[in-house]
C-alpha atoms as a PDB file:
ATOM      1  CA  MET A   1       0.000   0.000   0.000  1.00  0.00           C
ATOM      2  CA  GLN A   2       1.515   3.271  -1.106  1.00  0.00           C
ATOM      3  CA  ILE A   3       0.795   6.650   0.363  1.00  0.00           C
ATOM      4  CA  SER A   4       0.122   9.362  -2.163  1.00  0.00           C
ATOM      5  CA  TYR A   5       2.324  12.436  -2.421  1.00  0.00           C
ATOM      6  CA  SER A   6      -0.372  14.766  -1.071  1.00  0.00           C
ATOM      7  CA  SER A   7      -0.940  12.510   1.948  1.00  0.00           C
ATOM      8  CA  ARG A   8       2.795  12.404   2.681  1.00  0.00           C
ATOM      9  CA  LYS A   9       2.956  16.177   2.379  1.00  0.00           C
ATOM     10  CA  GLN A  10       0.023  16.606   4.793  1.00  0.00           C
ATOM     11  CA  ILE A  11       1.579  14.200   7.298  1.00  0.00           C
ATOM     12  CA  SER A  12       4.959  15.939   7.114  1.00  0.00           C
ATOM     13  CA  SER A  13       3.274  19.335   7.546  1.00  0.00           C
ATOM     14  CA  LEU A  14       1.366  18.066  10.570  1.00  0.00           C
ATOM     15  CA  LEU A  15       4.559  16.681  12.142  1.00  0.00           C
ATOM     16  CA  LEU A  16       6.339  19.963  11.482  1.00  0.00           C
ATOM     17  CA  TYR A  17       3.536  21.965  13.128  1.00  0.00           C
ATOM     18  CA  LEU A  18       3.560  19.613  16.126  1.00  0.00           C
ATOM     19  CA  LEU A  19       7.322  20.027  16.462  1.00  0.00           C
ATOM     20  CA  VAL A  20       7.026  23.825  16.255  1.00  0.00           C
ATOM     21  CA  ALA A  21       4.245  23.786  18.876  1.00  0.00           C
ATOM     22  CA  VAL A  22       6.336  21.688  21.275  1.00  0.00           C
ATOM     23  CA  VAL A  23       9.373  23.947  20.822  1.00  0.00           C
ATOM     24  CA  LEU A  24       7.260  27.065  21.417  1.00  0.00           C
ATOM     25  CA  ILE A  25       5.834  25.587  24.613  1.00  0.00           C
ATOM     26  CA  ILE A  26       9.323  24.698  25.825  1.00  0.00           C
ATOM     27  CA  ILE A  27      10.555  28.224  25.088  1.00  0.00           C
ATOM     28  CA  ALA A  28       7.490  30.025  26.488  1.00  0.00           C
ATOM     29  CA  PHE A  29       7.203  28.099  29.768  1.00  0.00           C
ATOM     30  CA  PRO A  30      10.216  29.730  31.515  1.00  0.00           C
ATOM     31  CA  VAL A  31       8.863  33.173  30.617  1.00  0.00           C
ATOM     32  CA  TYR A  32       5.452  32.233  32.022  1.00  0.00           C
ATOM     33  CA  TRP A  33       7.097  30.840  35.181  1.00  0.00           C
ATOM     34  CA  LEU A  34       9.116  34.034  35.638  1.00  0.00           C
ATOM     35  CA  ILE A  35       6.045  36.256  35.374  1.00  0.00           C
ATOM     36  CA  SER A  36       3.805  34.060  37.526  1.00  0.00           C
ATOM     37  CA  THR A  37       6.475  33.765  40.232  1.00  0.00           C
ATOM     38  CA  SER A  38       6.987  37.517  40.283  1.00  0.00           C
ATOM     39  CA  ILE A  39       3.342  38.107  41.243  1.00  0.00           C
ATOM     40  CA  LYS A  40       3.049  35.325  43.843  1.00  0.00           C
ATOM     41  CA  PRO A  41       3.108  36.140  47.546  1.00  0.00           C
ATOM     42  CA  GLY A  42       6.311  35.096  49.350  1.00  0.00           C
ATOM     43  CA  GLY A  43       4.876  31.992  50.996  1.00  0.00           C
ATOM     44  CA  GLU A  44       3.514  30.679  47.743  1.00  0.00           C
ATOM     45  CA  VAL A  45       6.886  31.014  45.986  1.00  0.00           C
ATOM     46  CA  THR A  46       8.579  28.551  48.344  1.00  0.00           C
ATOM     47  CA  GLN A  47       5.619  26.168  48.537  1.00  0.00           C
ATOM     48  CA  SER A  48       6.234  22.518  47.702  1.00  0.00           C
ATOM     49  CA  PRO A  49       4.938  21.264  45.322  1.00  0.00           C
ATOM     50  CA  PRO A  50       4.908  24.504  43.342  1.00  0.00           C
ATOM     51  CA  ARG A  51       1.728  25.796  41.714  1.00  0.00           C
ATOM     52  CA  LEU A  52       1.640  26.664  38.030  1.00  0.00           C
ATOM     53  CA  HIS A  53      -0.413  29.796  38.671  1.00  0.00           C
ATOM     54  CA  PRO A  54      -0.713  31.999  41.750  1.00  0.00           C
ATOM     55  CA  LEU A  55      -3.788  31.759  43.942  1.00  0.00           C
ATOM     56  CA  LEU A  56      -3.506  35.435  44.820  1.00  0.00           C
ATOM     57  CA  TYR A  57      -2.039  38.047  42.532  1.00  0.00           C
ATOM     58  CA  PHE A  58       0.333  40.271  44.473  1.00  0.00           C
ATOM     59  CA  LEU A  59       1.526  43.202  42.377  1.00  0.00           C
ATOM     60  CA  GLY A  60       3.251  44.980  45.257  1.00  0.00           C
ATOM     61  CA  LYS A  61       6.574  43.313  44.476  1.00  0.00           C
ATOM     62  CA  LEU A  62       6.651  44.772  40.984  1.00  0.00           C
ATOM     63  CA  GLN A  63       8.167  48.224  40.779  1.00  0.00           C
ATOM     64  CA  VAL A  64       8.283  50.588  37.853  1.00  0.00           C
ATOM     65  CA  CYS A  65      11.816  51.578  36.975  1.00  0.00           C
ATOM     66  CA  SER A  66      12.740  54.747  35.173  1.00  0.00           C
ATOM     67  CA  TRP A  67      15.647  54.900  32.754  1.00  0.00           C
ATOM     68  CA  TYR A  68      17.518  57.287  35.052  1.00  0.00           C
ATOM     69  CA  GLY A  69      16.842  55.626  38.396  1.00  0.00           C
ATOM     70  CA  TRP A  70      17.058  52.089  36.962  1.00  0.00           C
ATOM     71  CA  CYS A  71      15.543  50.131  39.817  1.00  0.00           C
ATOM     72  CA  ASP A  72      17.381  51.766  42.704  1.00  0.00           C
ATOM     73  CA  GLN A  73      14.734  50.436  45.108  1.00  0.00           C
ATOM     74  CA  VAL A  74      15.208  46.874  43.873  1.00  0.00           C
ATOM     75  CA  LEU A  75      18.980  46.995  43.944  1.00  0.00           C
ATOM     76  CA  ARG A  76      19.059  48.403  47.494  1.00  0.00           C
ATOM     77  CA  GLN A  77      17.019  45.517  48.910  1.00  0.00           C
END
């Protein structure tokens, strides 16, 4: 039983899209983890097992930095 050219092309395209999706998830997950950890309260950051998303969003840890003062408050802590 032979597979036609169009079927092989569709299968190879599907495998390529699956590979691209997996690579994007692998690349995007650390960025998601960084952002979600930055808005978690302190006790939730060190919790074991870790949660994928924060229960409470705590934006107090995030500080706006100007170009001239470049995070002086963060660096002094």
